[in-house]
Amino acid sequence: MKKLKALKALPLAYSTFLQGMIFSGFSRYLLLAKRLRIKLKRLKADYSMKIQ
């Protein structure tokens, strides 16, 4: 009986773990995208300053 309960709890724990992984990966990606956008803006500003 205990083994059955453990087997039933396994998918739940796995899905929770998977959701956490996806969420952390997504938030990390968003942070990287934000940083990249800021860097690109700075580069564009420097570039336009050099042209002028």
N, C-alpha and C. Protein backbone atom coordinates (compact mmCIF):
# COMPACT_ATOMS: atom_id res chain seq x y z
N MET A 1 0.83 -1.20 0.00
CA MET A 1 0.00 0.00 0.00
C MET A 1 0.87 1.26 0.00
N LYS A 2 1.94 1.25 0.79
CA LYS A 2 2.82 2.42 0.86
C LYS A 2 3.51 2.66 -0.48
N LYS A 3 3.89 1.56 -1.15
CA LYS A 3 4.57 1.69 -2.44
C LYS A 3 3.64 2.35 -3.46
N LEU A 4 2.37 1.98 -3.43
CA LEU A 4 1.39 2.53 -4.35
C LEU A 4 1.25 4.04 -4.15
N LYS A 5 1.21 4.45 -2.89
CA LYS A 5 1.09 5.88 -2.58
C LYS A 5 2.32 6.63 -3.08
N ALA A 6 3.49 6.03 -2.91
CA ALA A 6 4.73 6.66 -3.35
C ALA A 6 4.72 6.80 -4.87
N LEU A 7 4.24 5.77 -5.54
CA LEU A 7 4.19 5.80 -7.01
C LEU A 7 3.22 6.87 -7.49
N LYS A 8 2.13 7.05 -6.75
CA LYS A 8 1.15 8.07 -7.12
C LYS A 8 1.70 9.47 -6.85
N ALA A 9 2.52 9.61 -5.83
CA ALA A 9 3.08 10.91 -5.48
C ALA A 9 4.21 11.31 -6.42
N LEU A 10 4.83 10.32 -7.04
CA LEU A 10 5.98 10.59 -7.91
C LEU A 10 5.64 11.51 -9.09
N PRO A 11 4.60 11.22 -9.87
CA PRO A 11 4.29 12.11 -10.99
C PRO A 11 3.98 13.53 -10.55
N LEU A 12 3.32 13.67 -9.42
CA LEU A 12 2.99 15.00 -8.90
C LEU A 12 4.26 15.78 -8.59
N ALA A 13 5.18 15.13 -7.88
CA ALA A 13 6.45 15.79 -7.54
C ALA A 13 7.22 16.11 -8.82
N TYR A 14 7.19 15.20 -9.78
CA TYR A 14 7.91 15.40 -11.04
C TYR A 14 7.35 16.59 -11.80
N SER A 15 6.01 16.66 -11.89
CA SER A 15 5.39 17.77 -12.63
C SER A 15 5.66 19.10 -11.94
N THR A 16 5.64 19.10 -10.60
CA THR A 16 5.94 20.32 -9.86
C THR A 16 7.38 20.75 -10.12
N PHE A 17 8.28 19.78 -10.10
CA PHE A 17 9.69 20.05 -10.37
C PHE A 17 9.88 20.60 -11.78
N LEU A 18 9.17 19.98 -12.74
CA LEU A 18 9.25 20.40 -14.13
C LEU A 18 8.75 21.83 -14.30
N GLN A 19 7.64 22.15 -13.65
CA GLN A 19 7.09 23.50 -13.72
C GLN A 19 8.07 24.51 -13.14
N GLY A 20 8.71 24.15 -12.05
CA GLY A 20 9.70 25.03 -11.43
C GLY A 20 10.88 25.27 -12.37
N MET A 21 11.34 24.21 -13.01
CA MET A 21 12.45 24.32 -13.94
C MET A 21 12.09 25.23 -15.11
N ILE A 22 10.89 25.01 -15.67
CA ILE A 22 10.44 25.82 -16.81
C ILE A 22 10.33 27.28 -16.39
N PHE A 23 9.75 27.52 -15.22
CA PHE A 23 9.56 28.89 -14.74
C PHE A 23 10.90 29.60 -14.54
N SER A 24 11.85 28.90 -13.89
CA SER A 24 13.15 29.52 -13.62
C SER A 24 13.90 29.77 -14.93
N GLY A 25 13.80 28.83 -15.85
CA GLY A 25 14.45 29.00 -17.14
C GLY A 25 13.85 30.17 -17.90
N PHE A 26 12.52 30.29 -17.84
CA PHE A 26 11.84 31.38 -18.55
C PHE A 26 12.21 32.73 -17.97
N SER A 27 12.22 32.84 -16.63
CA SER A 27 12.55 34.12 -16.00
C SER A 27 14.00 34.50 -16.28
N ARG A 28 14.88 33.49 -16.30
CA ARG A 28 16.29 33.75 -16.60
C ARG A 28 16.42 34.27 -18.03
N TYR A 29 15.66 33.65 -18.96
CA TYR A 29 15.68 34.08 -20.36
C TYR A 29 15.19 35.52 -20.49
N LEU A 30 14.13 35.86 -19.75
CA LEU A 30 13.60 37.22 -19.81
C LEU A 30 14.65 38.22 -19.32
N LEU A 31 15.34 37.87 -18.24
CA LEU A 31 16.39 38.76 -17.71
C LEU A 31 17.49 38.97 -18.74
N LEU A 32 17.90 37.87 -19.38
CA LEU A 32 18.94 37.97 -20.41
C LEU A 32 18.49 38.84 -21.57
N ALA A 33 17.24 38.67 -21.98
CA ALA A 33 16.71 39.46 -23.09
C ALA A 33 16.70 40.94 -22.74
N LYS A 34 16.32 41.25 -21.51
CA LYS A 34 16.28 42.64 -21.06
C LYS A 34 17.69 43.24 -21.09
N ARG A 35 18.66 42.48 -20.57
CA ARG A 35 20.04 42.96 -20.55
C ARG A 35 20.57 43.18 -21.96
N LEU A 36 20.25 42.24 -22.86
CA LEU A 36 20.70 42.36 -24.24
C LEU A 36 20.12 43.59 -24.91
N ARG A 37 18.84 43.86 -24.63
CA ARG A 37 18.18 45.02 -25.23
C ARG A 37 18.86 46.31 -24.76
N ILE A 38 19.18 46.37 -23.46
CA ILE A 38 19.85 47.56 -22.91
C ILE A 38 21.22 47.73 -23.55
N LYS A 39 21.95 46.62 -23.71
CA LYS A 39 23.28 46.67 -24.34
C LYS A 39 23.17 47.16 -25.77
N LEU A 40 22.16 46.66 -26.50
CA LEU A 40 21.97 47.07 -27.89
C LEU A 40 21.65 48.55 -27.98
N LYS A 41 20.83 49.03 -27.09
CA LYS A 41 20.48 50.46 -27.08
C LYS A 41 21.74 51.30 -26.87
N ARG A 42 22.58 50.89 -25.93
CA ARG A 42 23.82 51.62 -25.65
C ARG A 42 24.74 51.59 -26.86
N LEU A 43 24.85 50.43 -27.49
CA LEU A 43 25.71 50.30 -28.67
C LEU A 43 25.21 51.20 -29.79
N LYS A 44 23.90 51.21 -30.00
CA LYS A 44 23.32 52.06 -31.04
C LYS A 44 23.59 53.52 -30.74
N ALA A 45 23.46 53.92 -29.49
CA ALA A 45 23.72 55.31 -29.09
C ALA A 45 25.18 55.66 -29.36
N ASP A 46 26.10 54.78 -28.97
CA ASP A 46 27.52 55.03 -29.21
C ASP A 46 27.79 55.13 -30.70
N TYR A 47 27.16 54.25 -31.47
CA TYR A 47 27.37 54.21 -32.93
C TYR A 47 26.89 55.50 -33.58
N SER A 48 25.71 55.98 -33.19
CA SER A 48 25.16 57.20 -33.78
C SER A 48 26.01 58.41 -33.37
N MET A 49 26.54 58.38 -32.16
CA MET A 49 27.42 59.47 -31.72
C MET A 49 28.69 59.52 -32.57
N LYS A 50 29.23 58.35 -32.89
CA LYS A 50 30.45 58.28 -33.69
C LYS A 50 30.20 58.77 -35.12
N ILE A 51 29.01 58.44 -35.65
CA ILE A 51 28.68 58.85 -37.01
C ILE A 51 28.56 60.38 -37.07
N GLN A 52 27.90 60.95 -36.09
CA GLN A 52 27.73 62.40 -36.06
C GLN A 52 29.07 63.06 -35.75
